[in-house]
């Protein structure tokens, strides 16, 4: 096999490898975007749960205050 033919074969292999890597890179980007979106959803959910917990804490404080007032009478 001539050196020119070997070089052409090598270039063709590099082109195929390059295309495969581009596809894999696009897939990784898509996965990263999905993970980022999922992370934002979890963050939003965590913030909502934190607000709910704070509201429940306020309700508990109010009930404790009412109980203390009743016991003081």
C-alpha atoms as a PDB file:
ATOM      1  CA  UNK A   1       0.000   0.000   0.000  1.00  0.00           C
ATOM      2  CA  UNK A   2       1.393   3.358  -0.938  1.00  0.00           C
ATOM      3  CA  UNK A   3       2.086   6.058   1.580  1.00  0.00           C
ATOM      4  CA  UNK A   4      -0.474   8.293  -0.117  1.00  0.00           C
ATOM      5  CA  UNK A   5      -3.194   5.640   0.259  1.00  0.00           C
ATOM      6  CA  UNK A   6      -2.342   5.092   3.915  1.00  0.00           C
ATOM      7  CA  UNK A   7      -2.501   8.841   4.476  1.00  0.00           C
ATOM      8  CA  UNK A   8      -5.901   9.031   2.759  1.00  0.00           C
ATOM      9  CA  UNK A   9      -7.188   6.164   4.878  1.00  0.00           C
ATOM     10  CA  UNK A  10      -5.938   7.840   8.030  1.00  0.00           C
ATOM     11  CA  UNK A  11      -7.613  11.136   7.055  1.00  0.00           C
ATOM     12  CA  UNK A  12     -10.898   9.343   6.372  1.00  0.00           C
ATOM     13  CA  UNK A  13     -10.704   7.638   9.781  1.00  0.00           C
ATOM     14  CA  UNK A  14     -10.041  10.982  11.474  1.00  0.00           C
ATOM     15  CA  UNK A  15     -13.060  12.475   9.694  1.00  0.00           C
ATOM     16  CA  UNK A  16     -15.280   9.623  10.937  1.00  0.00           C
ATOM     17  CA  UNK A  17     -13.882   9.948  14.442  1.00  0.00           C
ATOM     18  CA  UNK A  18     -14.432  13.697  14.337  1.00  0.00           C
ATOM     19  CA  UNK A  19     -18.074  13.290  13.290  1.00  0.00           C
ATOM     20  CA  UNK A  20     -18.618  10.712  16.031  1.00  0.00           C
ATOM     21  CA  UNK A  21     -17.129  13.086  18.597  1.00  0.00           C
ATOM     22  CA  UNK A  22     -19.348  15.922  17.377  1.00  0.00           C
ATOM     23  CA  UNK A  23     -22.421  13.751  17.826  1.00  0.00           C
ATOM     24  CA  UNK A  24     -21.291  12.659  21.271  1.00  0.00           C
ATOM     25  CA  UNK A  25     -20.612  16.282  22.211  1.00  0.00           C
ATOM     26  CA  UNK A  26     -24.115  17.290  21.099  1.00  0.00           C
ATOM     27  CA  UNK A  27     -25.567  14.473  23.198  1.00  0.00           C
ATOM     28  CA  UNK A  28     -23.566  15.588  26.242  1.00  0.00           C
ATOM     29  CA  UNK A  29     -24.742  19.171  25.776  1.00  0.00           C
ATOM     30  CA  UNK A  30     -28.333  17.980  25.650  1.00  0.00           C
ATOM     31  CA  UNK A  31     -27.861  15.924  28.812  1.00  0.00           C
ATOM     32  CA  UNK A  32     -26.273  18.902  30.548  1.00  0.00           C
ATOM     33  CA  UNK A  33     -29.199  21.130  29.605  1.00  0.00           C
ATOM     34  CA  UNK A  34     -31.629  18.528  30.932  1.00  0.00           C
ATOM     35  CA  UNK A  35     -29.705  18.266  34.194  1.00  0.00           C
ATOM     36  CA  UNK A  36     -29.605  22.026  34.524  1.00  0.00           C
ATOM     37  CA  UNK A  37     -33.367  22.225  34.037  1.00  0.00           C
ATOM     38  CA  UNK A  38     -33.893  19.448  36.545  1.00  0.00           C
ATOM     39  CA  UNK A  39     -31.648  21.236  39.026  1.00  0.00           C
ATOM     40  CA  UNK A  40     -33.703  24.412  38.641  1.00  0.00           C
ATOM     41  CA  UNK A  41     -36.900  22.451  39.272  1.00  0.00           C
ATOM     42  CA  UNK A  42     -35.420  20.959  42.441  1.00  0.00           C
ATOM     43  CA  UNK A  43     -34.272  24.386  43.598  1.00  0.00           C
ATOM     44  CA  UNK A  44     -37.753  25.831  43.045  1.00  0.00           C
ATOM     45  CA  UNK A  45     -39.322  22.920  44.894  1.00  0.00           C
ATOM     46  CA  UNK A  46     -36.882  23.302  47.782  1.00  0.00           C
ATOM     47  CA  UNK A  47     -37.663  27.018  48.037  1.00  0.00           C
ATOM     48  CA  UNK A  48     -41.408  26.293  48.080  1.00  0.00           C
ATOM     49  CA  UNK A  49     -40.928  23.704  50.827  1.00  0.00           C
ATOM     50  CA  UNK A  50     -38.818  26.145  52.818  1.00  0.00           C
ATOM     51  CA  UNK A  51     -41.560  28.797  52.591  1.00  0.00           C
ATOM     52  CA  UNK A  52     -44.138  26.219  53.652  1.00  0.00           C
ATOM     53  CA  UNK A  53     -41.978  25.224  56.617  1.00  0.00           C
ATOM     54  CA  UNK A  54     -41.635  28.863  57.660  1.00  0.00           C
ATOM     55  CA  UNK A  55     -45.422  29.277  57.471  1.00  0.00           C
ATOM     56  CA  UNK A  56     -45.903  26.161  59.603  1.00  0.00           C
ATOM     57  CA  UNK A  57     -43.372  27.465  62.110  1.00  0.00           C
ATOM     58  CA  UNK A  58     -45.345  30.703  62.377  1.00  0.00           C
ATOM     59  CA  UNK A  59     -48.561  28.745  62.907  1.00  0.00           C
ATOM     60  CA  UNK A  60     -46.905  26.698  65.651  1.00  0.00           C
ATOM     61  CA  UNK A  61     -45.603  29.856  67.335  1.00  0.00           C
ATOM     62  CA  UNK A  62     -49.120  31.310  67.230  1.00  0.00           C
ATOM     63  CA  UNK A  63     -50.633  28.161  68.755  1.00  0.00           C
ATOM     64  CA  UNK A  64     -47.979  28.072  71.483  1.00  0.00           C
ATOM     65  CA  UNK A  65     -48.694  31.701  72.280  1.00  0.00           C
ATOM     66  CA  UNK A  66     -52.430  30.983  72.525  1.00  0.00           C
ATOM     67  CA  UNK A  67     -51.804  27.977  74.788  1.00  0.00           C
ATOM     68  CA  UNK A  68     -49.553  30.061  77.038  1.00  0.00           C
ATOM     69  CA  UNK A  69     -52.249  32.730  77.249  1.00  0.00           C
ATOM     70  CA  UNK A  70     -54.852  30.126  78.192  1.00  0.00           C
ATOM     71  CA  UNK A  71     -52.582  28.614  80.843  1.00  0.00           C
ATOM     72  CA  UNK A  72     -51.845  32.022  82.311  1.00  0.00           C
ATOM     73  CA  UNK A  73     -55.542  32.683  83.010  1.00  0.00           C
END
